[in-house]
N, C-alpha and C. Protein backbone atom coordinates (compact mmCIF):
# COMPACT_ATOMS: atom_id res chain seq x y z
N GLN A 1 9.25 23.75 -20.39
CA GLN A 1 8.37 23.05 -21.30
C GLN A 1 9.14 22.62 -22.54
N VAL A 2 8.55 21.69 -23.25
CA VAL A 2 9.19 21.17 -24.46
C VAL A 2 9.23 22.25 -25.52
N GLN A 3 10.41 22.45 -26.09
CA GLN A 3 10.57 23.38 -27.20
C GLN A 3 11.39 22.71 -28.29
N LEU A 4 10.94 22.90 -29.52
CA LEU A 4 11.64 22.42 -30.70
C LEU A 4 11.76 23.58 -31.67
N VAL A 5 12.98 23.90 -32.06
CA VAL A 5 13.20 25.05 -32.92
C VAL A 5 13.97 24.60 -34.16
N GLU A 6 13.28 24.65 -35.30
CA GLU A 6 13.91 24.26 -36.56
C GLU A 6 14.62 25.45 -37.20
N SER A 7 15.65 25.15 -37.97
CA SER A 7 16.37 26.18 -38.72
C SER A 7 17.03 25.52 -39.92
N GLY A 8 17.50 26.35 -40.83
CA GLY A 8 18.26 25.85 -41.96
C GLY A 8 17.52 25.80 -43.28
N GLY A 9 16.25 26.14 -43.27
CA GLY A 9 15.50 26.15 -44.51
C GLY A 9 15.91 27.30 -45.41
N GLY A 10 15.39 27.29 -46.62
CA GLY A 10 15.70 28.37 -47.55
C GLY A 10 15.32 28.02 -48.96
N LEU A 11 15.82 28.82 -49.88
CA LEU A 11 15.57 28.63 -51.30
C LEU A 11 16.78 27.95 -51.93
N VAL A 12 16.55 26.90 -52.66
CA VAL A 12 17.65 26.15 -53.27
C VAL A 12 17.21 25.68 -54.66
N GLN A 13 18.18 25.57 -55.55
CA GLN A 13 17.88 25.08 -56.89
C GLN A 13 17.75 23.57 -56.91
N PRO A 14 17.04 23.04 -57.87
CA PRO A 14 16.96 21.57 -58.00
C PRO A 14 18.37 20.97 -58.07
N GLY A 15 18.53 19.88 -57.38
CA GLY A 15 19.83 19.24 -57.32
C GLY A 15 20.71 19.73 -56.18
N GLY A 16 20.29 20.79 -55.52
CA GLY A 16 21.06 21.36 -54.43
C GLY A 16 20.85 20.63 -53.12
N SER A 17 21.48 21.18 -52.08
CA SER A 17 21.44 20.56 -50.76
C SER A 17 21.12 21.59 -49.68
N LEU A 18 20.53 21.11 -48.63
CA LEU A 18 20.29 21.90 -47.43
C LEU A 18 20.44 20.98 -46.23
N ARG A 19 20.82 21.56 -45.10
CA ARG A 19 20.82 20.81 -43.85
C ARG A 19 19.93 21.53 -42.87
N LEU A 20 18.90 20.84 -42.43
CA LEU A 20 18.01 21.37 -41.42
C LEU A 20 18.48 20.94 -40.04
N SER A 21 18.25 21.79 -39.07
CA SER A 21 18.56 21.49 -37.68
C SER A 21 17.31 21.70 -36.84
N CYS A 22 17.23 20.95 -35.77
CA CYS A 22 16.14 21.12 -34.81
C CYS A 22 16.75 21.05 -33.42
N ALA A 23 16.73 22.18 -32.75
CA ALA A 23 17.27 22.26 -31.40
C ALA A 23 16.15 22.00 -30.39
N ALA A 24 16.39 21.05 -29.52
CA ALA A 24 15.37 20.64 -28.55
C ALA A 24 15.74 21.09 -27.14
N SER A 25 14.74 21.37 -26.34
CA SER A 25 14.95 21.72 -24.95
C SER A 25 13.70 21.37 -24.15
N GLY A 26 13.87 21.30 -22.84
CA GLY A 26 12.72 21.05 -21.97
C GLY A 26 12.44 19.60 -21.69
N PHE A 27 13.29 18.72 -22.20
CA PHE A 27 13.14 17.29 -21.92
C PHE A 27 14.49 16.61 -22.12
N THR A 28 14.57 15.36 -21.68
CA THR A 28 15.81 14.59 -21.84
C THR A 28 15.86 14.06 -23.25
N PHE A 29 16.58 14.79 -24.09
CA PHE A 29 16.57 14.54 -25.54
C PHE A 29 16.95 13.10 -25.88
N SER A 30 17.94 12.57 -25.20
CA SER A 30 18.45 11.24 -25.57
C SER A 30 17.47 10.12 -25.26
N ASN A 31 16.39 10.43 -24.55
CA ASN A 31 15.40 9.41 -24.22
C ASN A 31 14.33 9.22 -25.29
N TRP A 32 14.34 10.11 -26.29
CA TRP A 32 13.22 10.14 -27.22
C TRP A 32 13.64 9.98 -28.67
N PRO A 33 12.89 9.13 -29.40
CA PRO A 33 13.06 9.15 -30.85
C PRO A 33 12.62 10.51 -31.39
N MET A 34 13.14 10.86 -32.53
CA MET A 34 12.77 12.13 -33.15
C MET A 34 12.39 11.89 -34.61
N THR A 35 11.54 12.76 -35.11
CA THR A 35 11.01 12.58 -36.46
C THR A 35 10.94 13.91 -37.19
N TRP A 36 11.24 13.89 -38.47
CA TRP A 36 11.01 15.03 -39.35
C TRP A 36 9.76 14.75 -40.19
N TYR A 37 8.93 15.75 -40.29
CA TYR A 37 7.75 15.73 -41.15
C TYR A 37 7.85 16.90 -42.12
N ARG A 38 7.00 16.87 -43.11
CA ARG A 38 6.87 18.02 -44.01
C ARG A 38 5.43 18.16 -44.46
N GLN A 39 5.09 19.38 -44.81
CA GLN A 39 3.75 19.65 -45.33
C GLN A 39 3.86 20.62 -46.48
N ALA A 40 3.45 20.15 -47.64
CA ALA A 40 3.42 20.98 -48.84
C ALA A 40 2.07 21.67 -48.94
N PRO A 41 2.00 22.77 -49.66
CA PRO A 41 0.72 23.49 -49.80
C PRO A 41 -0.37 22.57 -50.33
N GLY A 42 -1.50 22.56 -49.64
CA GLY A 42 -2.64 21.78 -50.09
C GLY A 42 -2.54 20.30 -49.83
N LYS A 43 -1.50 19.88 -49.12
CA LYS A 43 -1.31 18.45 -48.86
C LYS A 43 -1.26 18.20 -47.36
N GLU A 44 -1.44 16.94 -47.00
CA GLU A 44 -1.36 16.57 -45.60
C GLU A 44 0.10 16.48 -45.16
N ARG A 45 0.29 16.65 -43.88
CA ARG A 45 1.63 16.50 -43.33
C ARG A 45 2.06 15.05 -43.48
N GLU A 46 3.32 14.83 -43.91
CA GLU A 46 3.80 13.48 -44.10
C GLU A 46 5.11 13.27 -43.36
N LEU A 47 5.32 12.04 -42.93
CA LEU A 47 6.56 11.67 -42.28
C LEU A 47 7.68 11.60 -43.30
N VAL A 48 8.80 12.21 -42.98
CA VAL A 48 9.96 12.20 -43.87
C VAL A 48 11.01 11.21 -43.39
N ALA A 49 11.37 11.32 -42.11
CA ALA A 49 12.42 10.46 -41.57
C ALA A 49 12.31 10.42 -40.05
N SER A 50 12.71 9.31 -39.49
CA SER A 50 12.72 9.18 -38.04
C SER A 50 14.02 8.53 -37.59
N ILE A 51 14.36 8.76 -36.32
CA ILE A 51 15.61 8.23 -35.79
C ILE A 51 15.39 7.81 -34.35
N SER A 52 16.01 6.70 -34.00
CA SER A 52 15.87 6.17 -32.64
C SER A 52 16.69 7.01 -31.66
N THR A 53 16.59 6.64 -30.40
CA THR A 53 17.15 7.49 -29.35
C THR A 53 18.65 7.75 -29.49
N TRP A 54 19.40 6.73 -29.89
CA TRP A 54 20.85 6.91 -30.04
C TRP A 54 21.30 6.80 -31.49
N GLY A 55 20.32 6.91 -32.40
CA GLY A 55 20.65 6.98 -33.81
C GLY A 55 20.96 5.65 -34.47
N ILE A 56 20.72 4.56 -33.77
CA ILE A 56 21.05 3.26 -34.35
C ILE A 56 20.09 2.88 -35.45
N SER A 57 18.83 3.27 -35.28
CA SER A 57 17.80 2.92 -36.24
C SER A 57 17.24 4.18 -36.89
N THR A 58 17.12 4.15 -38.21
CA THR A 58 16.50 5.25 -38.95
C THR A 58 15.49 4.70 -39.94
N ASN A 59 14.52 5.52 -40.27
CA ASN A 59 13.51 5.16 -41.26
C ASN A 59 13.23 6.36 -42.14
N TYR A 60 12.92 6.08 -43.41
CA TYR A 60 12.70 7.15 -44.37
C TYR A 60 11.46 6.88 -45.21
N ALA A 61 10.82 7.95 -45.61
CA ALA A 61 9.78 7.84 -46.63
C ALA A 61 10.43 7.40 -47.93
N ASP A 62 9.70 6.62 -48.71
CA ASP A 62 10.25 6.14 -49.98
C ASP A 62 10.70 7.30 -50.87
N SER A 63 10.00 8.40 -50.78
CA SER A 63 10.27 9.53 -51.68
C SER A 63 11.60 10.21 -51.40
N VAL A 64 12.19 9.96 -50.23
CA VAL A 64 13.45 10.63 -49.89
C VAL A 64 14.61 9.65 -49.68
N LYS A 65 14.33 8.37 -49.73
CA LYS A 65 15.40 7.39 -49.51
C LYS A 65 16.55 7.59 -50.48
N GLY A 66 17.74 7.56 -49.95
CA GLY A 66 18.92 7.73 -50.78
C GLY A 66 19.31 9.18 -51.01
N ARG A 67 18.44 10.10 -50.64
CA ARG A 67 18.72 11.52 -50.82
C ARG A 67 18.82 12.27 -49.50
N PHE A 68 18.03 11.86 -48.51
CA PHE A 68 17.99 12.54 -47.21
C PHE A 68 18.64 11.64 -46.16
N THR A 69 19.26 12.28 -45.18
CA THR A 69 19.85 11.55 -44.06
C THR A 69 19.49 12.24 -42.76
N ILE A 70 18.89 11.48 -41.86
CA ILE A 70 18.58 12.01 -40.54
C ILE A 70 19.69 11.59 -39.58
N SER A 71 20.04 12.49 -38.68
CA SER A 71 21.06 12.18 -37.68
C SER A 71 20.76 12.99 -36.43
N ARG A 72 21.48 12.69 -35.38
CA ARG A 72 21.26 13.42 -34.13
C ARG A 72 22.57 13.53 -33.36
N ASP A 73 22.64 14.58 -32.56
CA ASP A 73 23.76 14.77 -31.65
C ASP A 73 23.15 14.96 -30.27
N ASN A 74 23.18 13.91 -29.48
CA ASN A 74 22.53 13.98 -28.16
C ASN A 74 23.25 14.93 -27.22
N ALA A 75 24.53 15.15 -27.44
CA ALA A 75 25.27 16.11 -26.60
C ALA A 75 24.82 17.55 -26.86
N LYS A 76 24.31 17.78 -28.06
CA LYS A 76 23.85 19.12 -28.44
C LYS A 76 22.33 19.23 -28.46
N ASN A 77 21.65 18.14 -28.11
CA ASN A 77 20.18 18.13 -28.13
C ASN A 77 19.62 18.59 -29.47
N THR A 78 20.21 18.07 -30.52
CA THR A 78 19.85 18.52 -31.87
C THR A 78 19.68 17.33 -32.80
N VAL A 79 18.67 17.43 -33.63
CA VAL A 79 18.46 16.45 -34.70
C VAL A 79 18.60 17.19 -36.03
N TYR A 80 19.17 16.49 -37.00
CA TYR A 80 19.47 17.09 -38.30
C TYR A 80 18.76 16.34 -39.42
N LEU A 81 18.57 17.05 -40.52
CA LEU A 81 18.11 16.41 -41.74
C LEU A 81 18.95 16.96 -42.89
N GLN A 82 19.84 16.12 -43.37
CA GLN A 82 20.66 16.47 -44.54
C GLN A 82 19.88 16.12 -45.78
N MET A 83 19.64 17.09 -46.63
CA MET A 83 18.83 16.88 -47.83
C MET A 83 19.69 17.15 -49.05
N ASN A 84 19.90 16.14 -49.85
CA ASN A 84 20.69 16.25 -51.07
C ASN A 84 19.81 15.97 -52.28
N SER A 85 20.31 16.35 -53.44
CA SER A 85 19.59 16.11 -54.70
C SER A 85 18.13 16.56 -54.59
N LEU A 86 17.96 17.75 -54.12
CA LEU A 86 16.60 18.25 -53.88
C LEU A 86 15.82 18.39 -55.18
N LYS A 87 14.53 18.11 -55.08
CA LYS A 87 13.61 18.17 -56.21
C LYS A 87 12.52 19.20 -55.94
N PHE A 88 11.86 19.62 -57.01
CA PHE A 88 10.75 20.57 -56.85
C PHE A 88 9.75 20.07 -55.81
N GLU A 89 9.48 18.77 -55.85
CA GLU A 89 8.45 18.21 -54.98
C GLU A 89 8.87 18.12 -53.52
N ASP A 90 10.10 18.49 -53.21
CA ASP A 90 10.53 18.56 -51.81
C ASP A 90 10.13 19.88 -51.17
N THR A 91 9.61 20.80 -51.94
CA THR A 91 9.17 22.08 -51.41
C THR A 91 8.06 21.88 -50.38
N ALA A 92 8.28 22.38 -49.18
CA ALA A 92 7.33 22.18 -48.08
C ALA A 92 7.84 22.93 -46.84
N VAL A 93 6.99 23.00 -45.86
CA VAL A 93 7.43 23.40 -44.53
C VAL A 93 7.84 22.12 -43.80
N TYR A 94 9.04 22.13 -43.24
CA TYR A 94 9.57 20.96 -42.56
C TYR A 94 9.50 21.18 -41.06
N TYR A 95 9.01 20.16 -40.38
CA TYR A 95 8.81 20.22 -38.94
C TYR A 95 9.57 19.07 -38.26
N CYS A 96 10.10 19.35 -37.10
CA CYS A 96 10.60 18.23 -36.31
C CYS A 96 9.60 17.97 -35.19
N SER A 97 9.66 16.76 -34.71
CA SER A 97 8.69 16.31 -33.71
C SER A 97 9.36 15.37 -32.74
N ARG A 98 8.98 15.48 -31.50
CA ARG A 98 9.41 14.47 -30.55
C ARG A 98 8.56 13.22 -30.76
N ASN A 99 9.22 12.10 -30.84
CA ASN A 99 8.56 10.84 -31.10
C ASN A 99 7.80 10.98 -32.43
N ARG A 100 6.55 10.69 -32.47
CA ARG A 100 5.81 10.82 -33.73
C ARG A 100 4.61 11.74 -33.51
N GLY A 101 4.89 13.03 -33.39
CA GLY A 101 3.81 14.00 -33.32
C GLY A 101 3.37 14.40 -31.93
N GLU A 102 4.22 14.10 -30.93
CA GLU A 102 3.85 14.51 -29.58
C GLU A 102 3.96 16.02 -29.40
N TYR A 103 5.06 16.56 -29.87
CA TYR A 103 5.32 18.00 -29.84
C TYR A 103 5.90 18.40 -31.19
N TRP A 104 5.64 19.66 -31.54
CA TRP A 104 6.07 20.16 -32.85
C TRP A 104 6.85 21.46 -32.70
N GLY A 105 7.77 21.66 -33.64
CA GLY A 105 8.38 22.96 -33.77
C GLY A 105 7.51 23.85 -34.63
N GLN A 106 8.03 25.05 -34.92
CA GLN A 106 7.26 26.02 -35.72
C GLN A 106 7.42 25.78 -37.22
N GLY A 107 8.40 24.98 -37.57
CA GLY A 107 8.63 24.66 -38.97
C GLY A 107 9.62 25.59 -39.64
N THR A 108 10.23 25.09 -40.70
CA THR A 108 11.14 25.88 -41.52
C THR A 108 10.82 25.61 -42.99
N GLN A 109 10.75 26.67 -43.76
CA GLN A 109 10.34 26.57 -45.16
C GLN A 109 11.51 26.15 -46.03
N VAL A 110 11.27 25.15 -46.85
CA VAL A 110 12.22 24.73 -47.88
C VAL A 110 11.54 24.91 -49.23
N THR A 111 12.18 25.69 -50.07
CA THR A 111 11.64 25.94 -51.41
C THR A 111 12.68 25.54 -52.44
N VAL A 112 12.30 24.63 -53.30
CA VAL A 112 13.18 24.18 -54.38
C VAL A 112 12.65 24.79 -55.67
N SER A 113 13.45 25.67 -56.24
CA SER A 113 12.99 26.39 -57.43
C SER A 113 14.19 26.82 -58.26
N SER A 114 13.97 26.85 -59.57
CA SER A 114 15.03 27.33 -60.45
C SER A 114 14.81 28.80 -60.79
């Protein structure tokens, strides 16, 4: 069955960086676009970044453009989210998804705090 396992979250100071990973299994990873979402307390889940099957096309939420980079390694069945210049408002649980919400991982907590 489809499994998505996120990792790499943690506590970071404003201006810091984190790299999230999402390891996929149970399907042909290179056939599917992948997406990162996040959900902050009391807010709806929002799309952060998406990437096409071979990484040629990427899209970002306006709030993270220029700070976050989505990438993928199809040989490792893994999608990444490099997050730089983190802000308080980036605090959320981050989820990866196959396509746009077909399957979800369990999420990884990112907390930006001084």
